């Protein structure tokens, strides 16, 4: 079983960090992994509707995806 260091970060459209979490060492699964974010920002309040960017880093390899939050 492969074990990987995984970190997740969410940025708003202006590039400000609104969420970050170090998931530590995890075992990736063959059909993909999921990460559920409750859409709260640094102060614990809900983020506004809009465009955000999720950055996932697995063992130093980074992938970034755009997504939209609707209220």
PDB file of N, CA and C in Angstrom:
ATOM      1  N   UNK A   1       0.829  -1.195   0.000  1.00  0.00           N
ATOM      2  CA  UNK A   1       0.000   0.000   0.000  1.00  0.00           C
ATOM      3  C   UNK A   1       0.869   1.253   0.000  1.00  0.00           C
ATOM      4  N   UNK A   2       0.558   2.143  -0.885  1.00  0.00           N
ATOM      5  CA  UNK A   2       1.276   3.413  -0.946  1.00  0.00           C
ATOM      6  C   UNK A   2       0.678   4.365   0.080  1.00  0.00           C
ATOM      7  N   UNK A   3       1.521   5.058   0.788  1.00  0.00           N
ATOM      8  CA  UNK A   3       1.071   6.075   1.733  1.00  0.00           C
ATOM      9  C   UNK A   3       1.650   7.396   1.275  1.00  0.00           C
ATOM     10  N   UNK A   4       0.813   8.440   1.275  1.00  0.00           N
ATOM     11  CA  UNK A   4       1.243   9.734   0.751  1.00  0.00           C
ATOM     12  C   UNK A   4       0.945  10.844   1.750  1.00  0.00           C
ATOM     13  N   UNK A   5       1.798  11.884   1.750  1.00  0.00           N
ATOM     14  CA  UNK A   5       1.532  13.102   2.513  1.00  0.00           C
ATOM     15  C   UNK A   5       0.558  13.938   1.704  1.00  0.00           C
ATOM     16  N   UNK A   6      -0.553  14.357   2.328  1.00  0.00           N
ATOM     17  CA  UNK A   6      -1.594  15.084   1.610  1.00  0.00           C
ATOM     18  C   UNK A   6      -1.918  16.388   2.325  1.00  0.00           C
ATOM     19  N   UNK A   7      -1.958  17.480   1.549  1.00  0.00           N
ATOM     20  CA  UNK A   7      -2.359  18.789   2.065  1.00  0.00           C
ATOM     21  C   UNK A   7      -3.414  19.372   1.134  1.00  0.00           C
ATOM     22  N   UNK A   8      -4.386  20.077   1.719  1.00  0.00           N
ATOM     23  CA  UNK A   8      -5.464  20.708   0.951  1.00  0.00           C
ATOM     24  C   UNK A   8      -5.486  22.192   1.303  1.00  0.00           C
ATOM     25  N   UNK A   9      -5.648  23.049   0.295  1.00  0.00           N
ATOM     26  CA  UNK A   9      -5.778  24.491   0.522  1.00  0.00           C
ATOM     27  C   UNK A   9      -6.857  25.028  -0.413  1.00  0.00           C
ATOM     28  N   UNK A  10      -7.638  25.989   0.078  1.00  0.00           N
ATOM     29  CA  UNK A  10      -8.672  26.633  -0.729  1.00  0.00           C
ATOM     30  C   UNK A  10      -8.386  28.129  -0.745  1.00  0.00           C
ATOM     31  N   UNK A  11      -8.421  28.714  -1.944  1.00  0.00           N
ATOM     32  CA  UNK A  11      -8.145  30.134  -2.138  1.00  0.00           C
ATOM     33  C   UNK A  11      -9.362  30.804  -2.766  1.00  0.00           C
ATOM     34  N   UNK A  12      -9.594  32.057  -2.397  1.00  0.00           N
ATOM     35  CA  UNK A  12     -10.670  32.798  -3.052  1.00  0.00           C
ATOM     36  C   UNK A  12     -10.170  33.340  -4.382  1.00  0.00           C
ATOM     37  N   UNK A  13     -11.039  34.020  -5.108  1.00  0.00           N
ATOM     38  CA  UNK A  13     -10.707  34.496  -6.449  1.00  0.00           C
ATOM     39  C   UNK A  13      -9.572  35.524  -6.437  1.00  0.00           C
ATOM     40  N   UNK A  14      -9.346  36.171  -5.301  1.00  0.00           N
ATOM     41  CA  UNK A  14      -8.237  37.136  -5.186  1.00  0.00           C
ATOM     42  C   UNK A  14      -6.927  36.485  -4.749  1.00  0.00           C
ATOM     43  N   UNK A  15      -6.961  35.179  -4.539  1.00  0.00           N
ATOM     44  CA  UNK A  15      -5.749  34.466  -4.151  1.00  0.00           C
ATOM     45  C   UNK A  15      -5.516  34.385  -2.658  1.00  0.00           C
ATOM     46  N   UNK A  16      -6.501  34.796  -1.864  1.00  0.00           N
ATOM     47  CA  UNK A  16      -6.356  34.722  -0.404  1.00  0.00           C
ATOM     48  C   UNK A  16      -6.695  33.318   0.081  1.00  0.00           C
ATOM     49  N   UNK A  17      -5.879  32.804   0.982  1.00  0.00           N
ATOM     50  CA  UNK A  17      -6.109  31.496   1.569  1.00  0.00           C
ATOM     51  C   UNK A  17      -7.324  31.564   2.492  1.00  0.00           C
ATOM     52  N   UNK A  18      -8.316  30.719   2.255  1.00  0.00           N
ATOM     53  CA  UNK A  18      -9.509  30.709   3.109  1.00  0.00           C
ATOM     54  C   UNK A  18      -9.643  29.412   3.896  1.00  0.00           C
ATOM     55  N   UNK A  19      -8.892  28.381   3.515  1.00  0.00           N
ATOM     56  CA  UNK A  19      -8.945  27.107   4.240  1.00  0.00           C
ATOM     57  C   UNK A  19      -7.673  26.331   3.934  1.00  0.00           C
ATOM     58  N   UNK A  20      -7.115  25.710   4.953  1.00  0.00           N
ATOM     59  CA  UNK A  20      -5.946  24.850   4.751  1.00  0.00           C
ATOM     60  C   UNK A  20      -6.005  23.708   5.751  1.00  0.00           C
ATOM     61  N   UNK A  21      -5.597  22.547   5.292  1.00  0.00           N
ATOM     62  CA  UNK A  21      -5.571  21.397   6.195  1.00  0.00           C
ATOM     63  C   UNK A  21      -4.503  20.416   5.738  1.00  0.00           C
ATOM     64  N   UNK A  22      -3.678  20.019   6.683  1.00  0.00           N
ATOM     65  CA  UNK A  22      -2.683  18.979   6.448  1.00  0.00           C
ATOM     66  C   UNK A  22      -3.337  17.669   6.874  1.00  0.00           C
ATOM     67  N   UNK A  23      -3.594  16.801   5.929  1.00  0.00           N
ATOM     68  CA  UNK A  23      -4.258  15.536   6.236  1.00  0.00           C
ATOM     69  C   UNK A  23      -3.284  14.474   6.720  1.00  0.00           C
ATOM     70  N   UNK A  24      -1.989  14.806   6.682  1.00  0.00           N
ATOM     71  CA  UNK A  24      -0.982  13.852   7.139  1.00  0.00           C
ATOM     72  C   UNK A  24      -0.746  12.762   6.113  1.00  0.00           C
ATOM     73  N   UNK A  25      -0.349  11.614   6.606  1.00  0.00           N
ATOM     74  CA  UNK A  25      -0.058  10.487   5.718  1.00  0.00           C
ATOM     75  C   UNK A  25      -1.313   9.637   5.576  1.00  0.00           C
ATOM     76  N   UNK A  26      -1.759   9.482   4.337  1.00  0.00           N
ATOM     77  CA  UNK A  26      -2.963   8.707   4.056  1.00  0.00           C
ATOM     78  C   UNK A  26      -2.687   7.693   2.956  1.00  0.00           C
ATOM     79  N   UNK A  27      -3.557   6.714   2.864  1.00  0.00           N
ATOM     80  CA  UNK A  27      -3.458   5.712   1.816  1.00  0.00           C
ATOM     81  C   UNK A  27      -4.433   6.071   0.708  1.00  0.00           C
ATOM     82  N   UNK A  28      -3.940   6.480  -0.468  1.00  0.00           N
ATOM     83  CA  UNK A  28      -4.841   6.787  -1.585  1.00  0.00           C
ATOM     84  C   UNK A  28      -5.589   5.531  -2.040  1.00  0.00           C
ATOM     85  N   UNK A  29      -6.796   5.717  -2.547  1.00  0.00           N
ATOM     86  CA  UNK A  29      -7.573   4.590  -3.060  1.00  0.00           C
ATOM     87  C   UNK A  29      -7.614   4.644  -4.581  1.00  0.00           C
ATOM     88  N   UNK A  30      -7.777   3.497  -5.201  1.00  0.00           N
ATOM     89  CA  UNK A  30      -7.684   3.385  -6.663  1.00  0.00           C
ATOM     90  C   UNK A  30      -8.738   4.199  -7.399  1.00  0.00           C
ATOM     91  N   UNK A  31      -9.955   4.279  -6.859  1.00  0.00           N
ATOM     92  CA  UNK A  31     -11.023   4.984  -7.579  1.00  0.00           C
ATOM     93  C   UNK A  31     -11.124   6.450  -7.195  1.00  0.00           C
ATOM     94  N   UNK A  32     -10.109   6.994  -6.550  1.00  0.00           N
ATOM     95  CA  UNK A  32     -10.078   8.417  -6.207  1.00  0.00           C
ATOM     96  C   UNK A  32     -10.381   8.671  -4.743  1.00  0.00           C
ATOM     97  N   UNK A  33     -10.033   9.846  -4.303  1.00  0.00           N
ATOM     98  CA  UNK A  33     -10.282  10.263  -2.929  1.00  0.00           C
ATOM     99  C   UNK A  33     -11.169  11.495  -2.946  1.00  0.00           C
ATOM    100  N   UNK A  34     -11.867  11.707  -1.858  1.00  0.00           N
ATOM    101  CA  UNK A  34     -12.718  12.878  -1.725  1.00  0.00           C
ATOM    102  C   UNK A  34     -12.348  13.624  -0.463  1.00  0.00           C
ATOM    103  N   UNK A  35     -12.542  14.944  -0.513  1.00  0.00           N
ATOM    104  CA  UNK A  35     -12.341  15.777   0.659  1.00  0.00           C
ATOM    105  C   UNK A  35     -13.538  16.702   0.758  1.00  0.00           C
ATOM    106  N   UNK A  36     -14.253  16.659   1.851  1.00  0.00           N
ATOM    107  CA  UNK A  36     -15.433  17.503   2.042  1.00  0.00           C
ATOM    108  C   UNK A  36     -15.045  18.718   2.870  1.00  0.00           C
ATOM    109  N   UNK A  37     -15.304  19.881   2.330  1.00  0.00           N
ATOM    110  CA  UNK A  37     -15.039  21.153   3.014  1.00  0.00           C
ATOM    111  C   UNK A  37     -16.384  21.761   3.367  1.00  0.00           C
ATOM    112  N   UNK A  38     -16.543  22.231   4.584  1.00  0.00           N
ATOM    113  CA  UNK A  38     -17.829  22.773   5.040  1.00  0.00           C
ATOM    114  C   UNK A  38     -18.047  24.239   4.652  1.00  0.00           C
ATOM    115  N   UNK A  39     -17.200  24.773   3.811  1.00  0.00           N
ATOM    116  CA  UNK A  39     -17.303  26.149   3.293  1.00  0.00           C
ATOM    117  C   UNK A  39     -17.189  27.208   4.378  1.00  0.00           C
ATOM    118  N   UNK A  40     -16.402  26.921   5.412  1.00  0.00           N
ATOM    119  CA  UNK A  40     -16.128  27.942   6.420  1.00  0.00           C
ATOM    120  C   UNK A  40     -14.744  28.526   6.177  1.00  0.00           C
ATOM    121  N   UNK A  41     -14.620  29.816   6.518  1.00  0.00           N
ATOM    122  CA  UNK A  41     -13.363  30.521   6.342  1.00  0.00           C
ATOM    123  C   UNK A  41     -12.537  30.507   7.611  1.00  0.00           C
ATOM    124  N   UNK A  42     -11.479  31.320   7.652  1.00  0.00           N
ATOM    125  CA  UNK A  42     -10.551  31.339   8.787  1.00  0.00           C
ATOM    126  C   UNK A  42     -11.207  31.687  10.123  1.00  0.00           C
ATOM    127  N   UNK A  43     -12.220  32.541  10.116  1.00  0.00           N
ATOM    128  CA  UNK A  43     -12.885  32.920  11.362  1.00  0.00           C
ATOM    129  C   UNK A  43     -14.026  32.001  11.754  1.00  0.00           C
ATOM    130  N   UNK A  44     -14.270  30.965  10.966  1.00  0.00           N
ATOM    131  CA  UNK A  44     -15.338  30.030  11.263  1.00  0.00           C
ATOM    132  C   UNK A  44     -16.655  30.354  10.579  1.00  0.00           C
ATOM    133  N   UNK A  45     -16.753  31.543   9.966  1.00  0.00           N
ATOM    134  CA  UNK A  45     -17.969  31.918   9.253  1.00  0.00           C
ATOM    135  C   UNK A  45     -18.024  31.308   7.872  1.00  0.00           C
ATOM    136  N   UNK A  46     -19.199  31.237   7.320  1.00  0.00           N
ATOM    137  CA  UNK A  46     -19.390  30.683   5.976  1.00  0.00           C
ATOM    138  C   UNK A  46     -18.809  31.637   4.930  1.00  0.00           C
ATOM    139  N   UNK A  47     -18.159  31.072   3.921  1.00  0.00           N
ATOM    140  CA  UNK A  47     -17.619  31.895   2.840  1.00  0.00           C
ATOM    141  C   UNK A  47     -18.760  32.341   1.931  1.00  0.00           C
ATOM    142  N   UNK A  48     -18.534  33.412   1.211  1.00  0.00           N
ATOM    143  CA  UNK A  48     -19.534  33.947   0.290  1.00  0.00           C
ATOM    144  C   UNK A  48     -19.635  33.083  -0.963  1.00  0.00           C
ATOM    145  N   UNK A  49     -20.757  33.216  -1.651  1.00  0.00           N
ATOM    146  CA  UNK A  49     -20.889  32.581  -2.960  1.00  0.00           C
ATOM    147  C   UNK A  49     -19.812  33.138  -3.871  1.00  0.00           C
ATOM    148  N   UNK A  50     -19.299  32.318  -4.749  1.00  0.00           N
ATOM    149  CA  UNK A  50     -18.294  32.791  -5.679  1.00  0.00           C
ATOM    150  C   UNK A  50     -17.378  31.691  -6.148  1.00  0.00           C
ATOM    151  N   UNK A  51     -16.329  32.095  -6.853  1.00  0.00           N
ATOM    152  CA  UNK A  51     -15.348  31.172  -7.428  1.00  0.00           C
ATOM    153  C   UNK A  51     -14.203  30.984  -6.437  1.00  0.00           C
ATOM    154  N   UNK A  52     -13.779  29.743  -6.292  1.00  0.00           N
ATOM    155  CA  UNK A  52     -12.672  29.386  -5.405  1.00  0.00           C
ATOM    156  C   UNK A  52     -11.768  28.409  -6.138  1.00  0.00           C
ATOM    157  N   UNK A  53     -10.565  28.256  -5.614  1.00  0.00           N
ATOM    158  CA  UNK A  53      -9.580  27.333  -6.175  1.00  0.00           C
ATOM    159  C   UNK A  53      -9.155  26.365  -5.079  1.00  0.00           C
ATOM    160  N   UNK A  54      -9.198  25.064  -5.379  1.00  0.00           N
ATOM    161  CA  UNK A  54      -8.739  24.040  -4.444  1.00  0.00           C
ATOM    162  C   UNK A  54      -7.387  23.534  -4.919  1.00  0.00           C
ATOM    163  N   UNK A  55      -6.417  23.560  -4.035  1.00  0.00           N
ATOM    164  CA  UNK A  55      -5.083  23.041  -4.340  1.00  0.00           C
ATOM    165  C   UNK A  55      -4.858  21.806  -3.473  1.00  0.00           C
ATOM    166  N   UNK A  56      -4.599  20.699  -4.123  1.00  0.00           N
ATOM    167  CA  UNK A  56      -4.334  19.434  -3.438  1.00  0.00           C
ATOM    168  C   UNK A  56      -2.883  19.082  -3.708  1.00  0.00           C
ATOM    169  N   UNK A  57      -2.131  18.846  -2.637  1.00  0.00           N
ATOM    170  CA  UNK A  57      -0.734  18.452  -2.803  1.00  0.00           C
ATOM    171  C   UNK A  57      -0.544  17.063  -2.216  1.00  0.00           C
ATOM    172  N   UNK A  58      -0.072  16.147  -3.068  1.00  0.00           N
ATOM    173  CA  UNK A  58       0.166  14.765  -2.664  1.00  0.00           C
ATOM    174  C   UNK A  58       1.624  14.444  -2.939  1.00  0.00           C
ATOM    175  N   UNK A  59       2.360  14.223  -1.857  1.00  0.00           N
ATOM    176  CA  UNK A  59       3.799  13.939  -1.958  1.00  0.00           C
ATOM    177  C   UNK A  59       4.538  14.932  -2.848  1.00  0.00           C
ATOM    178  N   UNK A  60       4.225  16.212  -2.694  1.00  0.00           N
ATOM    179  CA  UNK A  60       4.926  17.255  -3.428  1.00  0.00           C
ATOM    180  C   UNK A  60       4.372  17.555  -4.801  1.00  0.00           C
ATOM    181  N   UNK A  61       3.435  16.759  -5.298  1.00  0.00           N
ATOM    182  CA  UNK A  61       2.800  17.029  -6.606  1.00  0.00           C
ATOM    183  C   UNK A  61       1.506  17.776  -6.347  1.00  0.00           C
ATOM    184  N   UNK A  62       1.350  18.898  -7.016  1.00  0.00           N
ATOM    185  CA  UNK A  62       0.216  19.793  -6.755  1.00  0.00           C
ATOM    186  C   UNK A  62      -0.757  19.788  -7.927  1.00  0.00           C
ATOM    187  N   UNK A  63      -2.042  19.743  -7.591  1.00  0.00           N
ATOM    188  CA  UNK A  63      -3.108  19.820  -8.582  1.00  0.00           C
ATOM    189  C   UNK A  63      -4.075  20.901  -8.116  1.00  0.00           C
ATOM    190  N   UNK A  64      -4.509  21.762  -9.042  1.00  0.00           N
ATOM    191  CA  UNK A  64      -5.402  22.872  -8.697  1.00  0.00           C
ATOM    192  C   UNK A  64      -6.657  22.784  -9.555  1.00  0.00           C
ATOM    193  N   UNK A  65      -7.807  22.954  -8.899  1.00  0.00           N
ATOM    194  CA  UNK A  65      -9.085  22.917  -9.601  1.00  0.00           C
ATOM    195  C   UNK A  65      -9.950  24.101  -9.176  1.00  0.00           C
ATOM    196  N   UNK A  66     -10.663  24.646 -10.133  1.00  0.00           N
ATOM    197  CA  UNK A  66     -11.590  25.758  -9.876  1.00  0.00           C
ATOM    198  C   UNK A  66     -12.955  25.172  -9.564  1.00  0.00           C
ATOM    199  N   UNK A  67     -13.667  25.814  -8.599  1.00  0.00           N
ATOM    200  CA  UNK A  67     -15.028  25.389  -8.293  1.00  0.00           C
ATOM    201  C   UNK A  67     -15.827  26.593  -7.822  1.00  0.00           C
ATOM    202  N   UNK A  68     -17.134  26.462  -7.775  1.00  0.00           N
ATOM    203  CA  UNK A  68     -18.007  27.548  -7.394  1.00  0.00           C
ATOM    204  C   UNK A  68     -18.849  27.168  -6.194  1.00  0.00           C
ATOM    205  N   UNK A  69     -18.975  28.107  -5.251  1.00  0.00           N
ATOM    206  CA  UNK A  69     -19.854  27.941  -4.091  1.00  0.00           C
ATOM    207  C   UNK A  69     -21.125  28.723  -4.369  1.00  0.00           C
ATOM    208  N   UNK A  70     -22.262  28.055  -4.247  1.00  0.00           N
ATOM    209  CA  UNK A  70     -23.567  28.700  -4.428  1.00  0.00           C
ATOM    210  C   UNK A  70     -24.293  28.743  -3.104  1.00  0.00           C
ATOM    211  N   UNK A  71     -24.955  29.835  -2.830  1.00  0.00           N
ATOM    212  CA  UNK A  71     -25.794  29.947  -1.620  1.00  0.00           C
ATOM    213  C   UNK A  71     -27.220  30.146  -2.018  1.00  0.00           C
TER     214      UNK A  71
END
